[in-house]
Protein backbone atom coordinates (compact mmCIF):
# COMPACT_ATOMS: atom_id res chain seq x y z
CA UNK A 1 11.87 44.76 -65.00
CA UNK A 2 14.96 45.74 -63.26
CA UNK A 3 16.36 41.96 -63.29
CA UNK A 4 16.06 42.09 -66.86
CA UNK A 5 17.40 45.28 -67.11
CA UNK A 6 20.30 44.26 -65.03
CA UNK A 7 20.75 41.12 -66.99
CA UNK A 8 21.04 43.14 -70.44
CA UNK A 9 23.34 45.27 -68.79
CA UNK A 10 25.51 42.79 -67.61
CA UNK A 11 25.02 40.54 -71.30
CA UNK A 12 26.28 43.80 -73.01
CA UNK A 13 29.46 44.87 -70.90
CA UNK A 14 30.15 40.71 -71.27
CA UNK A 15 30.07 41.11 -74.79
CA UNK A 16 32.42 44.30 -74.92
CA UNK A 17 34.90 43.06 -72.19
CA UNK A 18 35.36 39.82 -74.24
CA UNK A 19 35.29 41.61 -77.86
CA UNK A 20 37.83 43.75 -76.20
CA UNK A 21 40.24 41.02 -75.06
CA UNK A 22 40.23 39.42 -78.60
CA UNK A 23 40.35 42.52 -80.45
CA UNK A 24 43.17 43.84 -77.99
CA UNK A 25 45.67 40.78 -78.78
CA UNK A 26 44.63 39.46 -82.24
CA UNK A 27 43.38 42.56 -83.88
CA UNK A 28 39.96 44.38 -84.89
CA UNK A 29 39.45 42.98 -88.67
CA UNK A 30 40.81 39.80 -88.02
CA UNK A 31 38.52 39.11 -84.86
CA UNK A 32 34.64 37.73 -86.09
CA UNK A 33 31.27 37.62 -84.31
CA UNK A 34 31.80 33.99 -84.04
CA UNK A 35 34.85 34.58 -82.42
CA UNK A 36 33.38 36.79 -80.09
CA UNK A 37 30.05 34.43 -79.44
CA UNK A 38 32.50 31.84 -79.01
CA UNK A 39 34.45 33.57 -76.15
CA UNK A 40 31.38 35.08 -74.70
CA UNK A 41 28.91 32.18 -74.84
CA UNK A 42 25.85 34.32 -75.86
CA UNK A 43 23.56 33.76 -78.40
CA UNK A 44 23.74 35.90 -81.91
CA UNK A 45 20.06 37.11 -80.94
CA UNK A 46 21.75 38.20 -77.90
CA UNK A 47 24.59 40.19 -79.69
CA UNK A 48 22.34 41.39 -82.50
CA UNK A 49 20.16 43.01 -79.67
CA UNK A 50 22.72 45.04 -78.21
CA UNK A 51 24.58 45.96 -81.25
CA UNK A 52 23.65 46.59 -85.01
CA UNK A 53 26.99 45.24 -86.35
CA UNK A 54 30.57 44.63 -85.57
CA UNK A 55 31.56 48.15 -85.58
CA UNK A 56 28.61 49.42 -83.40
CA UNK A 57 30.25 47.39 -80.91
CA UNK A 58 34.04 48.72 -81.63
CA UNK A 59 32.80 51.95 -81.47
CA UNK A 60 30.90 51.31 -78.16
CA UNK A 61 34.44 49.65 -77.11
CA UNK A 62 36.03 53.00 -77.66
CA UNK A 63 33.50 55.05 -75.41
CA UNK A 64 32.78 52.38 -72.51
CA UNK A 65 36.33 50.90 -72.28
CA UNK A 66 39.09 52.16 -73.73
CA UNK A 67 37.73 55.85 -72.74
CA UNK A 68 37.69 55.50 -69.23
CA UNK A 69 41.17 53.92 -69.11
CA UNK A 70 42.39 56.82 -71.52
CA UNK A 71 40.89 59.43 -68.99
CA UNK A 72 42.63 58.30 -65.96
CA UNK A 73 45.68 58.04 -67.09
CA UNK A 74 46.25 60.54 -69.81
CA UNK A 75 44.06 63.26 -68.97
CA UNK A 76 43.32 63.40 -64.81
CA UNK A 77 47.10 63.73 -63.98
CA UNK A 78 47.43 66.54 -65.96
CA UNK A 79 44.12 68.24 -64.84
CA UNK A 80 45.35 68.48 -60.91
CA UNK A 81 47.22 71.13 -59.44
CA UNK A 82 50.41 70.36 -59.43
CA UNK A 83 53.93 71.04 -60.96
CA UNK A 84 53.42 70.85 -64.55
CA UNK A 85 56.36 69.12 -65.52
CA UNK A 86 56.08 66.58 -62.73
CA UNK A 87 52.46 66.16 -63.86
CA UNK A 88 53.18 65.69 -67.52
CA UNK A 89 56.38 63.37 -66.61
CA UNK A 90 54.01 61.19 -64.12
CA UNK A 91 51.47 60.87 -67.02
CA UNK A 92 54.06 59.05 -69.52
CA UNK A 93 55.67 57.43 -66.89
CA UNK A 94 52.43 55.57 -65.31
CA UNK A 95 50.92 55.63 -68.67
CA UNK A 96 53.81 53.45 -69.60
CA UNK A 97 54.45 51.14 -66.55
CA UNK A 98 51.34 51.15 -63.97
CA UNK A 99 48.97 50.66 -66.68
CA UNK A 100 47.50 47.09 -66.01
CA UNK A 101 45.07 47.88 -68.89
CA UNK A 102 47.60 47.64 -71.45
CA UNK A 103 50.21 44.86 -72.36
CA UNK A 104 53.34 45.87 -73.59
CA UNK A 105 53.18 42.91 -75.98
CA UNK A 106 49.80 44.05 -77.77
CA UNK A 107 50.71 48.32 -77.59
CA UNK A 108 48.31 50.60 -77.57
CA UNK A 109 44.67 49.86 -78.24
CA UNK A 110 43.18 53.03 -79.84
CA UNK A 111 46.52 53.31 -81.87
CA UNK A 112 45.85 49.74 -83.46
CA UNK A 113 42.96 50.76 -84.15
CA UNK A 114 43.63 54.09 -85.36
CA UNK A 115 46.00 51.74 -87.95
CA UNK A 116 43.58 49.25 -88.71
CA UNK A 117 40.33 50.96 -88.71
CA UNK A 118 40.74 54.82 -89.21
CA UNK A 119 41.78 55.31 -92.89
CA UNK A 120 38.41 53.92 -93.75
CA UNK A 121 35.54 54.29 -90.84
CA UNK A 122 34.62 57.33 -90.47
CA UNK A 123 33.22 56.41 -87.10
CA UNK A 124 36.44 54.97 -85.90
CA UNK A 125 38.01 58.11 -86.90
CA UNK A 126 35.86 60.47 -85.06
CA UNK A 127 35.87 58.44 -81.93
CA UNK A 128 39.46 57.76 -81.68
CA UNK A 129 40.23 61.50 -82.82
CA UNK A 130 38.05 63.04 -79.84
CA UNK A 131 40.53 60.96 -77.57
CA UNK A 132 43.47 62.29 -79.32
CA UNK A 133 42.35 65.78 -79.61
CA UNK A 134 41.19 65.87 -75.71
CA UNK A 135 44.38 64.48 -74.82
CA UNK A 136 46.63 67.08 -77.10
CA UNK A 137 44.52 70.22 -75.53
CA UNK A 138 45.09 68.85 -71.98
CA UNK A 139 48.92 68.78 -72.58
CA UNK A 140 48.70 72.08 -74.12
CA UNK A 141 46.68 73.89 -70.94
CA UNK A 142 49.72 72.06 -68.83
CA UNK A 143 52.06 73.47 -70.58
CA UNK A 144 50.63 76.86 -70.82
CA UNK A 145 50.33 76.57 -67.01
CA UNK A 146 54.02 75.60 -66.70
CA UNK A 147 54.68 79.11 -69.18
CA UNK A 148 53.24 81.09 -66.83
CA UNK A 149 54.59 79.69 -63.69
CA UNK A 150 58.03 80.00 -65.13
CA UNK A 151 58.83 76.21 -65.10
CA UNK A 152 58.92 76.15 -68.76
CA UNK A 153 60.44 78.94 -70.97
CA UNK A 154 57.96 81.38 -72.80
CA UNK A 155 59.31 80.61 -76.16
CA UNK A 156 58.05 76.99 -76.46
CA UNK A 157 55.30 75.96 -78.50
CA UNK A 158 52.48 74.54 -76.48
CA UNK A 159 50.94 72.85 -79.44
CA UNK A 160 53.93 71.59 -81.02
CA UNK A 161 55.31 70.03 -78.02
CA UNK A 162 52.47 68.50 -77.06
CA UNK A 163 52.42 66.82 -80.59
CA UNK A 164 56.19 65.72 -80.30
CA UNK A 165 55.08 63.82 -76.51
CA UNK A 166 51.75 62.35 -78.34
CA UNK A 167 54.11 61.29 -81.20
CA UNK A 168 56.81 59.53 -78.87
CA UNK A 169 53.82 57.80 -76.46
CA UNK A 170 52.68 56.22 -80.07
CA UNK A 171 55.98 55.31 -81.23
CA UNK A 172 57.14 53.74 -78.01
CA UNK A 173 54.35 51.63 -77.38
CA UNK A 174 54.57 50.30 -81.02
CA UNK A 175 58.16 49.44 -79.99
CA UNK A 176 57.61 47.92 -76.95
CA UNK A 177 55.02 45.41 -78.94
CA UNK A 178 57.77 44.89 -81.56
CA UNK A 179 60.48 43.60 -78.93
CA UNK A 180 57.82 42.66 -75.93
CA UNK A 181 60.12 44.31 -73.38
CA UNK A 182 59.02 47.44 -70.85
CA UNK A 183 62.79 48.03 -70.81
CA UNK A 184 62.23 50.25 -74.10
CA UNK A 185 59.77 52.35 -71.92
CA UNK A 186 62.65 52.94 -69.33
CA UNK A 187 64.94 54.26 -71.66
CA UNK A 188 62.06 56.32 -73.23
CA UNK A 189 61.26 57.70 -70.06
CA UNK A 190 65.09 58.88 -68.92
CA UNK A 191 64.87 60.52 -72.64
CA UNK A 192 61.58 62.12 -71.86
CA UNK A 193 62.60 63.54 -68.86
CA UNK A 194 65.77 64.72 -70.50
CA UNK A 195 63.52 66.31 -72.90
CA UNK A 196 61.34 67.92 -70.18
CA UNK A 197 64.09 69.58 -68.58
CA UNK A 198 65.26 71.10 -71.97
CA UNK A 199 62.00 73.46 -71.94
CA UNK A 200 63.03 74.92 -68.71
């Protein structure tokens, strides 16, 4: 029984990982269940044993693959005890230049899914919004800590700054995808550093 459970878990993870690769590189709506089956070599019965449909699988990808990576690169740096300005810069730097899970030519998977699915699928909207809201909240806390430590000016609005930073990240990910070069990331980081210093 234990062996069967382990095999089932491996099959489920295999489906998710290969499906993510296809969806990330060619888009959610253009990736069919048949594409996933061909890539994973699992049967249609095995697929439907784990997922009721493609959308349930898509939500699982967000929770089980995208979210852990997101937590590591976007949340963890902000909650560690260090200089708030350094934490914000390092978060952005590492998310853009050290995150091997994400490829410049394909952009941000959460952003891609937001564009493709959020307008017409409430479950995708909810799952993706949870990620965005947690990131925003953690940045607000980090910025508020910076205000209290006199790292940032007391007149800045943490929520507005957090929204601005989020917009900058998603924008530069899309630009990087368009030009297929990390040079734009490096240019962005120079200006991002200058922006953070302007909040002092």
